[in-house]
C-alpha cells in the first residue's frame, strides 16, 4: 500500500514522530513517504490569515496519515487551513496523530484530535486511528512507539 504521511512540524517534534510512523509502515511492507505542509508565515502568534506555500496532494496515496502539533489547546491553524482546502478524499484509509507540549491529552490533544477528525470527515472519510503524543510525559517514547505501530497498520 502506498502511504502518504502528510504533516506540519514547526519545532521538529511532529516530524520526528512522522519518521517513526514511516519506518513502521515500511516494516509492514508498505511504501511510505513524508510530505510537509508549509505556510508563508509559520509564526504561531501571528494574527495574519494562513497562506499555504506547500499543500501536498493526498489523492495520490492509497492511505493517508495526517500529523500536526497542538497550538493553543487547538489544532494548528496551518493544518486547519490545509485540511479545509484539500479535495474530497473518499475511499482513502486515514489515520491521524497530534503532538502536544503538555503531559496530559486533555490539555489540548483531545480537542485538536477531534478537530482533525471532523475536518477529515468533511472530506468524505472516517479516521480509522488517532494518536496523541504528550511531549512532556515521561512515557513519551512509549507513546510514539505505540502510535507508530497503530498507524502502520492503516490499510493493512
C-alpha atoms as a PDB file:
ATOM      1  CA  UNK A   1       0.000   0.000   0.000  1.00  0.00           C
ATOM      2  CA  UNK A   2       1.215   3.499  -0.859  1.00  0.00           C
ATOM      3  CA  UNK A   3       1.037   5.579   2.347  1.00  0.00           C
ATOM      4  CA  UNK A   4       1.387   9.348   2.444  1.00  0.00           C
ATOM      5  CA  UNK A   5       2.333  10.852   5.801  1.00  0.00           C
ATOM      6  CA  UNK A   6       1.356  14.497   5.499  1.00  0.00           C
ATOM      7  CA  UNK A   7       2.449  16.733   8.347  1.00  0.00           C
ATOM      8  CA  UNK A   8       3.146  20.210   9.564  1.00  0.00           C
ATOM      9  CA  UNK A   9       6.031  20.495  12.032  1.00  0.00           C
ATOM     10  CA  UNK A  10       7.409  23.773  13.292  1.00  0.00           C
ATOM     11  CA  UNK A  11       9.778  22.552  16.015  1.00  0.00           C
ATOM     12  CA  UNK A  12      10.626  19.100  14.644  1.00  0.00           C
ATOM     13  CA  UNK A  13       8.644  17.099  17.219  1.00  0.00           C
ATOM     14  CA  UNK A  14       5.838  16.173  14.811  1.00  0.00           C
ATOM     15  CA  UNK A  15       8.421  15.389  12.128  1.00  0.00           C
ATOM     16  CA  UNK A  16      10.269  13.009  14.464  1.00  0.00           C
ATOM     17  CA  UNK A  17       7.028  11.117  15.137  1.00  0.00           C
ATOM     18  CA  UNK A  18       6.269  11.035  11.394  1.00  0.00           C
ATOM     19  CA  UNK A  19       9.679   9.456  10.790  1.00  0.00           C
ATOM     20  CA  UNK A  20       8.867   6.692  13.296  1.00  0.00           C
ATOM     21  CA  UNK A  21       5.474   6.178  11.625  1.00  0.00           C
ATOM     22  CA  UNK A  22       7.144   5.990   8.210  1.00  0.00           C
ATOM     23  CA  UNK A  23       9.667   3.436   9.464  1.00  0.00           C
ATOM     24  CA  UNK A  24       6.873   1.330  10.974  1.00  0.00           C
ATOM     25  CA  UNK A  25       4.910   1.487   7.685  1.00  0.00           C
ATOM     26  CA  UNK A  26       7.988   0.389   5.738  1.00  0.00           C
ATOM     27  CA  UNK A  27       8.471  -2.503   8.181  1.00  0.00           C
ATOM     28  CA  UNK A  28       4.870  -3.566   7.407  1.00  0.00           C
ATOM     29  CA  UNK A  29       5.779  -3.756   3.703  1.00  0.00           C
ATOM     30  CA  UNK A  30       4.114  -0.502   2.645  1.00  0.00           C
ATOM     31  CA  UNK A  31       5.724   2.227   0.629  1.00  0.00           C
ATOM     32  CA  UNK A  32       5.637   5.386   2.724  1.00  0.00           C
ATOM     33  CA  UNK A  33       6.753   8.967   2.265  1.00  0.00           C
ATOM     34  CA  UNK A  34       6.610  12.056   4.443  1.00  0.00           C
ATOM     35  CA  UNK A  35       5.337  15.235   2.812  1.00  0.00           C
ATOM     36  CA  UNK A  36       5.364  18.534   4.662  1.00  0.00           C
ATOM     37  CA  UNK A  37       2.778  21.272   4.725  1.00  0.00           C
ATOM     38  CA  UNK A  38       4.278  24.755   4.881  1.00  0.00           C
ATOM     39  CA  UNK A  39       2.934  28.288   5.095  1.00  0.00           C
ATOM     40  CA  UNK A  40       4.267  31.705   4.190  1.00  0.00           C
ATOM     41  CA  UNK A  41       4.171  32.727   7.853  1.00  0.00           C
ATOM     42  CA  UNK A  42       4.604  29.927  10.399  1.00  0.00           C
ATOM     43  CA  UNK A  43       4.749  32.182  13.460  1.00  0.00           C
ATOM     44  CA  UNK A  44       2.288  30.589  15.906  1.00  0.00           C
ATOM     45  CA  UNK A  45       1.399  34.003  17.350  1.00  0.00           C
ATOM     46  CA  UNK A  46       0.649  35.648  14.012  1.00  0.00           C
ATOM     47  CA  UNK A  47      -2.807  37.098  13.506  1.00  0.00           C
ATOM     48  CA  UNK A  48      -2.385  37.095   9.714  1.00  0.00           C
ATOM     49  CA  UNK A  49      -4.512  34.683   7.674  1.00  0.00           C
ATOM     50  CA  UNK A  50      -2.774  31.412   6.811  1.00  0.00           C
ATOM     51  CA  UNK A  51      -1.414  31.261   3.261  1.00  0.00           C
ATOM     52  CA  UNK A  52      -0.034  27.878   2.356  1.00  0.00           C
ATOM     53  CA  UNK A  53       3.222  27.560   0.400  1.00  0.00           C
ATOM     54  CA  UNK A  54       3.172  23.775   0.130  1.00  0.00           C
ATOM     55  CA  UNK A  55      -0.020  21.706   0.278  1.00  0.00           C
ATOM     56  CA  UNK A  56       0.694  18.042  -0.553  1.00  0.00           C
ATOM     57  CA  UNK A  57      -1.956  16.228  -2.597  1.00  0.00           C
ATOM     58  CA  UNK A  58      -3.395  13.319  -0.572  1.00  0.00           C
ATOM     59  CA  UNK A  59      -5.327  11.918  -3.554  1.00  0.00           C
ATOM     60  CA  UNK A  60      -2.320  10.063  -4.988  1.00  0.00           C
ATOM     61  CA  UNK A  61      -1.950   7.820  -1.919  1.00  0.00           C
ATOM     62  CA  UNK A  62      -3.887   4.660  -1.026  1.00  0.00           C
ATOM     63  CA  UNK A  63      -3.814   5.616   2.653  1.00  0.00           C
ATOM     64  CA  UNK A  64      -3.028   8.926   4.344  1.00  0.00           C
ATOM     65  CA  UNK A  65      -1.745   9.723   7.810  1.00  0.00           C
ATOM     66  CA  UNK A  66      -2.017  13.345   8.896  1.00  0.00           C
ATOM     67  CA  UNK A  67       0.183  14.725  11.675  1.00  0.00           C
ATOM     68  CA  UNK A  68       0.064  18.096  13.396  1.00  0.00           C
ATOM     69  CA  UNK A  69       1.091  19.948  16.521  1.00  0.00           C
ATOM     70  CA  UNK A  70      -1.348  21.303  19.055  1.00  0.00           C
ATOM     71  CA  UNK A  71      -1.289  25.084  19.267  1.00  0.00           C
ATOM     72  CA  UNK A  72      -3.129  26.956  21.988  1.00  0.00           C
ATOM     73  CA  UNK A  73      -5.158  23.869  23.020  1.00  0.00           C
ATOM     74  CA  UNK A  74      -6.344  23.505  19.425  1.00  0.00           C
ATOM     75  CA  UNK A  75      -5.245  22.082  16.078  1.00  0.00           C
ATOM     76  CA  UNK A  76      -2.526  24.119  14.358  1.00  0.00           C
ATOM     77  CA  UNK A  77      -4.153  26.823  12.166  1.00  0.00           C
ATOM     78  CA  UNK A  78      -1.851  25.790   9.309  1.00  0.00           C
ATOM     79  CA  UNK A  79      -3.206  22.240   9.364  1.00  0.00           C
ATOM     80  CA  UNK A  80      -6.769  23.533   9.719  1.00  0.00           C
ATOM     81  CA  UNK A  81      -6.252  25.629   6.575  1.00  0.00           C
ATOM     82  CA  UNK A  82      -4.703  22.684   4.733  1.00  0.00           C
ATOM     83  CA  UNK A  83      -7.459  20.202   5.642  1.00  0.00           C
ATOM     84  CA  UNK A  84     -10.104  22.769   4.729  1.00  0.00           C
ATOM     85  CA  UNK A  85      -8.704  23.314   1.223  1.00  0.00           C
ATOM     86  CA  UNK A  86      -7.874  19.737   0.149  1.00  0.00           C
ATOM     87  CA  UNK A  87     -10.296  17.953  -2.189  1.00  0.00           C
ATOM     88  CA  UNK A  88     -12.605  15.120  -1.158  1.00  0.00           C
ATOM     89  CA  UNK A  89     -10.586  12.008  -0.368  1.00  0.00           C
ATOM     90  CA  UNK A  90     -13.420   9.491  -0.197  1.00  0.00           C
ATOM     91  CA  UNK A  91     -12.291   5.872  -0.253  1.00  0.00           C
ATOM     92  CA  UNK A  92      -8.940   6.504   1.439  1.00  0.00           C
ATOM     93  CA  UNK A  93      -7.852   4.889   4.670  1.00  0.00           C
ATOM     94  CA  UNK A  94      -6.935   7.714   7.052  1.00  0.00           C
ATOM     95  CA  UNK A  95      -5.112   7.942  10.351  1.00  0.00           C
ATOM     96  CA  UNK A  96      -4.087  10.995  12.358  1.00  0.00           C
ATOM     97  CA  UNK A  97      -1.784  11.997  15.176  1.00  0.00           C
ATOM     98  CA  UNK A  98      -1.132  15.169  17.121  1.00  0.00           C
ATOM     99  CA  UNK A  99       1.830  16.205  19.230  1.00  0.00           C
ATOM    100  CA  UNK A 100       1.412  18.487  22.191  1.00  0.00           C
ATOM    101  CA  UNK A 101       3.805  20.028  24.687  1.00  0.00           C
ATOM    102  CA  UNK A 102       1.737  19.315  27.793  1.00  0.00           C
ATOM    103  CA  UNK A 103       1.861  15.954  29.591  1.00  0.00           C
ATOM    104  CA  UNK A 104      -1.871  15.054  29.508  1.00  0.00           C
ATOM    105  CA  UNK A 105      -4.171  14.533  26.476  1.00  0.00           C
ATOM    106  CA  UNK A 106      -6.940  16.679  27.984  1.00  0.00           C
ATOM    107  CA  UNK A 107      -4.590  19.683  27.806  1.00  0.00           C
ATOM    108  CA  UNK A 108      -5.376  20.288  24.131  1.00  0.00           C
ATOM    109  CA  UNK A 109      -4.517  16.980  22.487  1.00  0.00           C
ATOM    110  CA  UNK A 110      -8.022  15.547  22.598  1.00  0.00           C
ATOM    111  CA  UNK A 111      -9.520  18.798  21.287  1.00  0.00           C
ATOM    112  CA  UNK A 112      -7.006  19.005  18.418  1.00  0.00           C
ATOM    113  CA  UNK A 113      -7.556  15.340  17.522  1.00  0.00           C
ATOM    114  CA  UNK A 114     -11.315  15.889  17.493  1.00  0.00           C
ATOM    115  CA  UNK A 115     -10.915  18.899  15.191  1.00  0.00           C
ATOM    116  CA  UNK A 116      -8.646  16.931  12.859  1.00  0.00           C
ATOM    117  CA  UNK A 117     -11.127  14.035  12.698  1.00  0.00           C
ATOM    118  CA  UNK A 118     -14.002  16.408  11.988  1.00  0.00           C
ATOM    119  CA  UNK A 119     -12.111  18.088   9.143  1.00  0.00           C
ATOM    120  CA  UNK A 120     -11.237  14.678   7.676  1.00  0.00           C
ATOM    121  CA  UNK A 121     -14.880  13.598   7.910  1.00  0.00           C
ATOM    122  CA  UNK A 122     -15.861  16.725   5.973  1.00  0.00           C
ATOM    123  CA  UNK A 123     -13.655  15.348   3.159  1.00  0.00           C
ATOM    124  CA  UNK A 124     -15.600  12.085   2.992  1.00  0.00           C
ATOM    125  CA  UNK A 125     -13.506   9.761   5.145  1.00  0.00           C
ATOM    126  CA  UNK A 126     -13.679   8.187   8.560  1.00  0.00           C
ATOM    127  CA  UNK A 127     -10.475   8.324  10.553  1.00  0.00           C
ATOM    128  CA  UNK A 128      -9.512   4.730  11.368  1.00  0.00           C
ATOM    129  CA  UNK A 129      -6.934   5.542  14.060  1.00  0.00           C
ATOM    130  CA  UNK A 130      -5.877   8.600  16.045  1.00  0.00           C
ATOM    131  CA  UNK A 131      -2.878   9.055  18.305  1.00  0.00           C
ATOM    132  CA  UNK A 132      -1.839  11.741  20.768  1.00  0.00           C
ATOM    133  CA  UNK A 133       1.790  12.258  21.799  1.00  0.00           C
ATOM    134  CA  UNK A 134       2.297  14.209  25.027  1.00  0.00           C
ATOM    135  CA  UNK A 135       5.799  15.617  24.668  1.00  0.00           C
ATOM    136  CA  UNK A 136       6.388  16.374  28.361  1.00  0.00           C
ATOM    137  CA  UNK A 137       5.035  12.999  29.519  1.00  0.00           C
ATOM    138  CA  UNK A 138       7.706  10.664  30.917  1.00  0.00           C
ATOM    139  CA  UNK A 139       6.273   7.829  28.776  1.00  0.00           C
ATOM    140  CA  UNK A 140       6.609   9.820  25.521  1.00  0.00           C
ATOM    141  CA  UNK A 141       8.890   7.255  23.846  1.00  0.00           C
ATOM    142  CA  UNK A 142       6.358   4.501  24.511  1.00  0.00           C
ATOM    143  CA  UNK A 143       3.548   6.715  23.213  1.00  0.00           C
ATOM    144  CA  UNK A 144       5.483   7.334  19.995  1.00  0.00           C
ATOM    145  CA  UNK A 145       6.190   3.629  19.526  1.00  0.00           C
ATOM    146  CA  UNK A 146       2.519   2.750  20.162  1.00  0.00           C
ATOM    147  CA  UNK A 147       1.222   5.393  17.764  1.00  0.00           C
ATOM    148  CA  UNK A 148       3.715   4.378  15.058  1.00  0.00           C
ATOM    149  CA  UNK A 149       2.734   0.731  15.384  1.00  0.00           C
ATOM    150  CA  UNK A 150      -1.005   1.512  15.361  1.00  0.00           C
ATOM    151  CA  UNK A 151      -0.807   3.837  12.349  1.00  0.00           C
ATOM    152  CA  UNK A 152       1.433   1.461  10.385  1.00  0.00           C
ATOM    153  CA  UNK A 153      -1.488  -0.963  10.213  1.00  0.00           C
ATOM    154  CA  UNK A 154      -3.663   1.519   8.304  1.00  0.00           C
ATOM    155  CA  UNK A 155      -4.736  -0.229   5.144  1.00  0.00           C
ATOM    156  CA  UNK A 156      -3.193  -3.488   6.217  1.00  0.00           C
END
